Amino acid sequence: MARKTVLVCDNCSKEVEEGKGAMLRVTYTDARRGSKQADLCDDCAGSMPGRAVARRGRKPKSAAAS
C-alpha cells in the first residue's frame, strides 16, 4: 500500500505543492526553551520578516573570475 504525505501551510492552511514551500525554524538563545518549526507555502514564506543570509562555502569559478 502506498502512502502520500500532504504538506499544509501552518500560516494560511493551504496545501503546499510538491517542490514548493519552505520550513521556518526559530531557535531561542536560551537552550531550555528549545526551538519551533513551521511549514510554509511560498506566499507566506516570502512575507515573513528577516533578511537573506549568504550561502556557505566557496564561490563558483565563474563568479570568482569576474
PDB file of N, CA and C in Angstrom:
ATOM      1  N   MET A   1       0.836  -1.168   0.000  1.00  0.00           N
ATOM      2  CA  MET A   1       0.000   0.000   0.000  1.00  0.00           C
ATOM      3  C   MET A   1       0.894   1.248   0.000  1.00  0.00           C
ATOM      4  N   ALA A   2       0.620   2.164  -0.879  1.00  0.00           N
ATOM      5  CA  ALA A   2       1.400   3.402  -0.974  1.00  0.00           C
ATOM      6  C   ALA A   2       0.800   4.461  -0.060  1.00  0.00           C
ATOM      7  N   ARG A   3       1.680   5.322   0.453  1.00  0.00           N
ATOM      8  CA  ARG A   3       1.222   6.418   1.307  1.00  0.00           C
ATOM      9  C   ARG A   3       1.680   7.729   0.701  1.00  0.00           C
ATOM     10  N   LYS A   4       0.890   8.749   0.886  1.00  0.00           N
ATOM     11  CA  LYS A   4       1.220  10.067   0.367  1.00  0.00           C
ATOM     12  C   LYS A   4       1.161  11.057   1.524  1.00  0.00           C
ATOM     13  N   THR A   5       2.205  11.856   1.662  1.00  0.00           N
ATOM     14  CA  THR A   5       2.241  12.876   2.691  1.00  0.00           C
ATOM     15  C   THR A   5       1.778  14.192   2.088  1.00  0.00           C
ATOM     16  N   VAL A   6       0.794  14.810   2.694  1.00  0.00           N
ATOM     17  CA  VAL A   6       0.265  16.086   2.231  1.00  0.00           C
ATOM     18  C   VAL A   6       0.767  17.160   3.183  1.00  0.00           C
ATOM     19  N   LEU A   7       1.475  18.156   2.641  1.00  0.00           N
ATOM     20  CA  LEU A   7       2.024  19.244   3.439  1.00  0.00           C
ATOM     21  C   LEU A   7       1.060  20.417   3.405  1.00  0.00           C
ATOM     22  N   VAL A   8       0.715  20.940   4.578  1.00  0.00           N
ATOM     23  CA  VAL A   8      -0.224  22.048   4.701  1.00  0.00           C
ATOM     24  C   VAL A   8       0.485  23.212   5.372  1.00  0.00           C
ATOM     25  N   CYS A   9       0.284  24.419   4.848  1.00  0.00           N
ATOM     26  CA  CYS A   9       0.893  25.635   5.399  1.00  0.00           C
ATOM     27  C   CYS A   9       0.343  25.892   6.802  1.00  0.00           C
ATOM     28  N   ASP A  10       1.234  26.140   7.760  1.00  0.00           N
ATOM     29  CA  ASP A  10       0.809  26.404   9.137  1.00  0.00           C
ATOM     30  C   ASP A  10       0.246  27.808   9.303  1.00  0.00           C
ATOM     31  N   ASN A  11       0.476  28.681   8.340  1.00  0.00           N
ATOM     32  CA  ASN A  11       0.017  30.063   8.442  1.00  0.00           C
ATOM     33  C   ASN A  11      -1.373  30.251   7.812  1.00  0.00           C
ATOM     34  N   CYS A  12      -1.554  29.791   6.566  1.00  0.00           N
ATOM     35  CA  CYS A  12      -2.819  30.030   5.856  1.00  0.00           C
ATOM     36  C   CYS A  12      -3.631  28.757   5.626  1.00  0.00           C
ATOM     37  N   SER A  13      -3.132  27.603   6.017  1.00  0.00           N
ATOM     38  CA  SER A  13      -3.828  26.306   5.926  1.00  0.00           C
ATOM     39  C   SER A  13      -4.110  25.849   4.498  1.00  0.00           C
ATOM     40  N   LYS A  14      -3.336  26.357   3.514  1.00  0.00           N
ATOM     41  CA  LYS A  14      -3.479  25.867   2.144  1.00  0.00           C
ATOM     42  C   LYS A  14      -2.514  24.703   1.934  1.00  0.00           C
ATOM     43  N   GLU A  15      -2.851  23.811   1.003  1.00  0.00           N
ATOM     44  CA  GLU A  15      -1.981  22.697   0.679  1.00  0.00           C
ATOM     45  C   GLU A  15      -0.770  23.210  -0.104  1.00  0.00           C
ATOM     46  N   VAL A  16       0.415  22.723   0.244  1.00  0.00           N
ATOM     47  CA  VAL A  16       1.656  23.132  -0.412  1.00  0.00           C
ATOM     48  C   VAL A  16       1.961  22.122  -1.509  1.00  0.00           C
ATOM     49  N   GLU A  17       2.228  22.628  -2.718  1.00  0.00           N
ATOM     50  CA  GLU A  17       2.508  21.760  -3.860  1.00  0.00           C
ATOM     51  C   GLU A  17       3.858  21.067  -3.695  1.00  0.00           C
ATOM     52  N   GLU A  18       4.049  19.990  -4.444  1.00  0.00           N
ATOM     53  CA  GLU A  18       5.299  19.243  -4.430  1.00  0.00           C
ATOM     54  C   GLU A  18       6.443  20.131  -4.934  1.00  0.00           C
ATOM     55  N   GLY A  19       7.535  20.204  -4.199  1.00  0.00           N
ATOM     56  CA  GLY A  19       8.682  21.008  -4.604  1.00  0.00           C
ATOM     57  C   GLY A  19       8.549  22.487  -4.286  1.00  0.00           C
ATOM     58  N   LYS A  20       7.480  22.894  -3.643  1.00  0.00           N
ATOM     59  CA  LYS A  20       7.259  24.293  -3.275  1.00  0.00           C
ATOM     60  C   LYS A  20       7.264  24.386  -1.757  1.00  0.00           C
ATOM     61  N   GLY A  21       7.315  25.603  -1.253  1.00  0.00           N
ATOM     62  CA  GLY A  21       7.199  25.804   0.179  1.00  0.00           C
ATOM     63  C   GLY A  21       8.539  25.934   0.871  1.00  0.00           C
ATOM     64  N   ALA A  22       8.477  26.172   2.175  1.00  0.00           N
ATOM     65  CA  ALA A  22       9.678  26.369   2.982  1.00  0.00           C
ATOM     66  C   ALA A  22       9.398  25.922   4.409  1.00  0.00           C
ATOM     67  N   MET A  23      10.479  25.756   5.161  1.00  0.00           N
ATOM     68  CA  MET A  23      10.366  25.422   6.562  1.00  0.00           C
ATOM     69  C   MET A  23      11.052  26.536   7.351  1.00  0.00           C
ATOM     70  N   LEU A  24      10.332  27.135   8.284  1.00  0.00           N
ATOM     71  CA  LEU A  24      10.863  28.212   9.109  1.00  0.00           C
ATOM     72  C   LEU A  24      11.178  27.633  10.476  1.00  0.00           C
ATOM     73  N   ARG A  25      12.421  27.821  10.946  1.00  0.00           N
ATOM     74  CA  ARG A  25      12.832  27.281  12.243  1.00  0.00           C
ATOM     75  C   ARG A  25      13.314  28.431  13.114  1.00  0.00           C
ATOM     76  N   VAL A  26      12.754  28.533  14.299  1.00  0.00           N
ATOM     77  CA  VAL A  26      13.130  29.561  15.264  1.00  0.00           C
ATOM     78  C   VAL A  26      13.871  28.868  16.394  1.00  0.00           C
ATOM     79  N   THR A  27      15.108  29.293  16.639  1.00  0.00           N
ATOM     80  CA  THR A  27      15.903  28.736  17.716  1.00  0.00           C
ATOM     81  C   THR A  27      16.139  29.835  18.740  1.00  0.00           C
ATOM     82  N   TYR A  28      15.755  29.593  19.964  1.00  0.00           N
ATOM     83  CA  TYR A  28      15.930  30.572  21.031  1.00  0.00           C
ATOM     84  C   TYR A  28      17.364  30.551  21.549  1.00  0.00           C
ATOM     85  N   THR A  29      17.842  31.699  22.009  1.00  0.00           N
ATOM     86  CA  THR A  29      19.192  31.756  22.574  1.00  0.00           C
ATOM     87  C   THR A  29      19.245  31.034  23.914  1.00  0.00           C
ATOM     88  N   ASP A  30      18.128  30.975  24.616  1.00  0.00           N
ATOM     89  CA  ASP A  30      18.029  30.209  25.847  1.00  0.00           C
ATOM     90  C   ASP A  30      17.748  28.761  25.460  1.00  0.00           C
ATOM     91  N   ALA A  31      18.711  27.877  25.626  1.00  0.00           N
ATOM     92  CA  ALA A  31      18.600  26.498  25.150  1.00  0.00           C
ATOM     93  C   ALA A  31      17.473  25.727  25.828  1.00  0.00           C
ATOM     94  N   ARG A  32      17.048  26.151  26.993  1.00  0.00           N
ATOM     95  CA  ARG A  32      15.990  25.435  27.702  1.00  0.00           C
ATOM     96  C   ARG A  32      14.647  25.573  27.010  1.00  0.00           C
ATOM     97  N   ARG A  33      14.472  26.627  26.215  1.00  0.00           N
ATOM     98  CA  ARG A  33      13.192  26.844  25.530  1.00  0.00           C
ATOM     99  C   ARG A  33      13.071  26.010  24.264  1.00  0.00           C
ATOM    100  N   GLY A  34      14.165  25.447  23.805  1.00  0.00           N
ATOM    101  CA  GLY A  34      14.121  24.601  22.612  1.00  0.00           C
ATOM    102  C   GLY A  34      13.988  25.409  21.340  1.00  0.00           C
ATOM    103  N   SER A  35      13.246  24.878  20.363  1.00  0.00           N
ATOM    104  CA  SER A  35      13.046  25.570  19.100  1.00  0.00           C
ATOM    105  C   SER A  35      11.655  25.268  18.570  1.00  0.00           C
ATOM    106  N   LYS A  36      11.207  26.089  17.621  1.00  0.00           N
ATOM    107  CA  LYS A  36       9.911  25.907  16.980  1.00  0.00           C
ATOM    108  C   LYS A  36      10.124  25.817  15.482  1.00  0.00           C
ATOM    109  N   GLN A  37       9.214  25.119  14.810  1.00  0.00           N
ATOM    110  CA  GLN A  37       9.349  24.897  13.379  1.00  0.00           C
ATOM    111  C   GLN A  37       7.981  25.026  12.727  1.00  0.00           C
ATOM    112  N   ALA A  38       7.922  25.655  11.537  1.00  0.00           N
ATOM    113  CA  ALA A  38       6.662  25.828  10.825  1.00  0.00           C
ATOM    114  C   ALA A  38       6.859  25.535   9.344  1.00  0.00           C
ATOM    115  N   ASP A  39       5.896  24.850   8.745  1.00  0.00           N
ATOM    116  CA  ASP A  39       5.883  24.610   7.301  1.00  0.00           C
ATOM    117  C   ASP A  39       5.083  25.736   6.664  1.00  0.00           C
ATOM    118  N   LEU A  40       5.645  26.352   5.620  1.00  0.00           N
ATOM    119  CA  LEU A  40       5.006  27.499   4.983  1.00  0.00           C
ATOM    120  C   LEU A  40       4.931  27.310   3.472  1.00  0.00           C
ATOM    121  N   CYS A  41       3.904  27.926   2.848  1.00  0.00           N
ATOM    122  CA  CYS A  41       3.826  27.957   1.388  1.00  0.00           C
ATOM    123  C   CYS A  41       4.724  29.095   0.894  1.00  0.00           C
ATOM    124  N   ASP A  42       4.947  29.184  -0.403  1.00  0.00           N
ATOM    125  CA  ASP A  42       5.833  30.206  -0.959  1.00  0.00           C
ATOM    126  C   ASP A  42       5.339  31.623  -0.667  1.00  0.00           C
ATOM    127  N   ASP A  43       4.019  31.835  -0.723  1.00  0.00           N
ATOM    128  CA  ASP A  43       3.464  33.163  -0.476  1.00  0.00           C
ATOM    129  C   ASP A  43       3.715  33.606   0.969  1.00  0.00           C
ATOM    130  N   CYS A  44       3.461  32.719   1.909  1.00  0.00           N
ATOM    131  CA  CYS A  44       3.646  33.061   3.327  1.00  0.00           C
ATOM    132  C   CYS A  44       5.124  33.194   3.682  1.00  0.00           C
ATOM    133  N   ALA A  45       5.973  32.363   3.091  1.00  0.00           N
ATOM    134  CA  ALA A  45       7.405  32.425   3.388  1.00  0.00           C
ATOM    135  C   ALA A  45       8.013  33.733   2.885  1.00  0.00           C
ATOM    136  N   GLY A  46       7.520  34.236   1.754  1.00  0.00           N
ATOM    137  CA  GLY A  46       8.036  35.491   1.207  1.00  0.00           C
ATOM    138  C   GLY A  46       7.648  36.699   2.031  1.00  0.00           C
ATOM    139  N   SER A  47       6.545  36.602   2.781  1.00  0.00           N
ATOM    140  CA  SER A  47       6.089  37.740   3.575  1.00  0.00           C
ATOM    141  C   SER A  47       6.631  37.718   5.005  1.00  0.00           C
ATOM    142  N   MET A  48       7.411  36.706   5.352  1.00  0.00           N
ATOM    143  CA  MET A  48       7.966  36.617   6.703  1.00  0.00           C
ATOM    144  C   MET A  48       9.106  37.623   6.874  1.00  0.00           C
ATOM    145  N   PRO A  49       9.251  38.175   8.086  1.00  0.00           N
ATOM    146  CA  PRO A  49      10.354  39.108   8.322  1.00  0.00           C
ATOM    147  C   PRO A  49      11.688  38.373   8.341  1.00  0.00           C
ATOM    148  N   GLY A  50      12.740  39.104   8.108  1.00  0.00           N
ATOM    149  CA  GLY A  50      14.074  38.523   8.126  1.00  0.00           C
ATOM    150  C   GLY A  50      14.893  39.051   6.968  1.00  0.00           C
ATOM    151  N   ARG A  51      16.125  38.613   6.911  1.00  0.00           N
ATOM    152  CA  ARG A  51      17.000  39.051   5.834  1.00  0.00           C
ATOM    153  C   ARG A  51      17.643  37.830   5.192  1.00  0.00           C
ATOM    154  N   ALA A  52      18.105  38.013   3.972  1.00  0.00           N
ATOM    155  CA  ALA A  52      18.761  36.917   3.261  1.00  0.00           C
ATOM    156  C   ALA A  52      20.136  36.674   3.880  1.00  0.00           C
ATOM    157  N   VAL A  53      20.509  35.424   3.975  1.00  0.00           N
ATOM    158  CA  VAL A  53      21.792  35.046   4.561  1.00  0.00           C
ATOM    159  C   VAL A  53      22.666  34.492   3.450  1.00  0.00           C
ATOM    160  N   ALA A  54      23.943  34.876   3.453  1.00  0.00           N
ATOM    161  CA  ALA A  54      24.867  34.415   2.425  1.00  0.00           C
ATOM    162  C   ALA A  54      25.053  32.904   2.519  1.00  0.00           C
ATOM    163  N   ARG A  55      25.226  32.278   1.376  1.00  0.00           N
ATOM    164  CA  ARG A  55      25.446  30.841   1.347  1.00  0.00           C
ATOM    165  C   ARG A  55      26.874  30.535   1.786  1.00  0.00           C
ATOM    166  N   ARG A  56      27.047  29.378   2.373  1.00  0.00           N
ATOM    167  CA  ARG A  56      28.359  28.997   2.866  1.00  0.00           C
ATOM    168  C   ARG A  56      29.161  28.319   1.765  1.00  0.00           C
ATOM    169  N   GLY A  57      30.478  28.305   1.926  1.00  0.00           N
ATOM    170  CA  GLY A  57      31.349  27.605   1.000  1.00  0.00           C
ATOM    171  C   GLY A  57      31.996  28.523  -0.009  1.00  0.00           C
ATOM    172  N   ARG A  58      32.724  27.928  -0.928  1.00  0.00           N
ATOM    173  CA  ARG A  58      33.418  28.697  -1.959  1.00  0.00           C
ATOM    174  C   ARG A  58      32.461  29.206  -3.006  1.00  0.00           C
ATOM    175  N   LYS A  59      32.840  30.325  -3.638  1.00  0.00           N
ATOM    176  CA  LYS A  59      32.057  30.816  -4.761  1.00  0.00           C
ATOM    177  C   LYS A  59      32.381  29.975  -5.994  1.00  0.00           C
ATOM    178  N   PRO A  60      31.443  29.809  -6.910  1.00  0.00           N
ATOM    179  CA  PRO A  60      31.744  29.068  -8.139  1.00  0.00           C
ATOM    180  C   PRO A  60      32.839  29.750  -8.943  1.00  0.00           C
ATOM    181  N   LYS A  61      33.573  28.987  -9.766  1.00  0.00           N
ATOM    182  CA  LYS A  61      34.695  29.539 -10.537  1.00  0.00           C
ATOM    183  C   LYS A  61      34.266  30.694 -11.418  1.00  0.00           C
ATOM    184  N   SER A  62      33.104  30.590 -12.057  1.00  0.00           N
ATOM    185  CA  SER A  62      32.656  31.646 -12.966  1.00  0.00           C
ATOM    186  C   SER A  62      32.426  32.957 -12.217  1.00  0.00           C
ATOM    187  N   ALA A  63      31.929  32.904 -10.989  1.00  0.00           N
ATOM    188  CA  ALA A  63      31.696  34.120 -10.206  1.00  0.00           C
ATOM    189  C   ALA A  63      32.984  34.662  -9.614  1.00  0.00           C
ATOM    190  N   ALA A  64      33.945  33.782  -9.305  1.00  0.00           N
ATOM    191  CA  ALA A  64      35.212  34.199  -8.705  1.00  0.00           C
ATOM    192  C   ALA A  64      36.107  34.896  -9.736  1.00  0.00           C
ATOM    193  N   ALA A  65      35.990  34.516 -11.010  1.00  0.00           N
ATOM    194  CA  ALA A  65      36.824  35.092 -12.058  1.00  0.00           C
ATOM    195  C   ALA A  65      36.416  36.520 -12.393  1.00  0.00           C
ATOM    196  N   SER A  66      35.164  36.871 -12.170  1.00  0.00           N
ATOM    197  CA  SER A  66      34.665  38.202 -12.525  1.00  0.00           C
ATOM    198  C   SER A  66      35.198  39.272 -11.629  1.00  0.00           C
TER     199      SER A  66
END
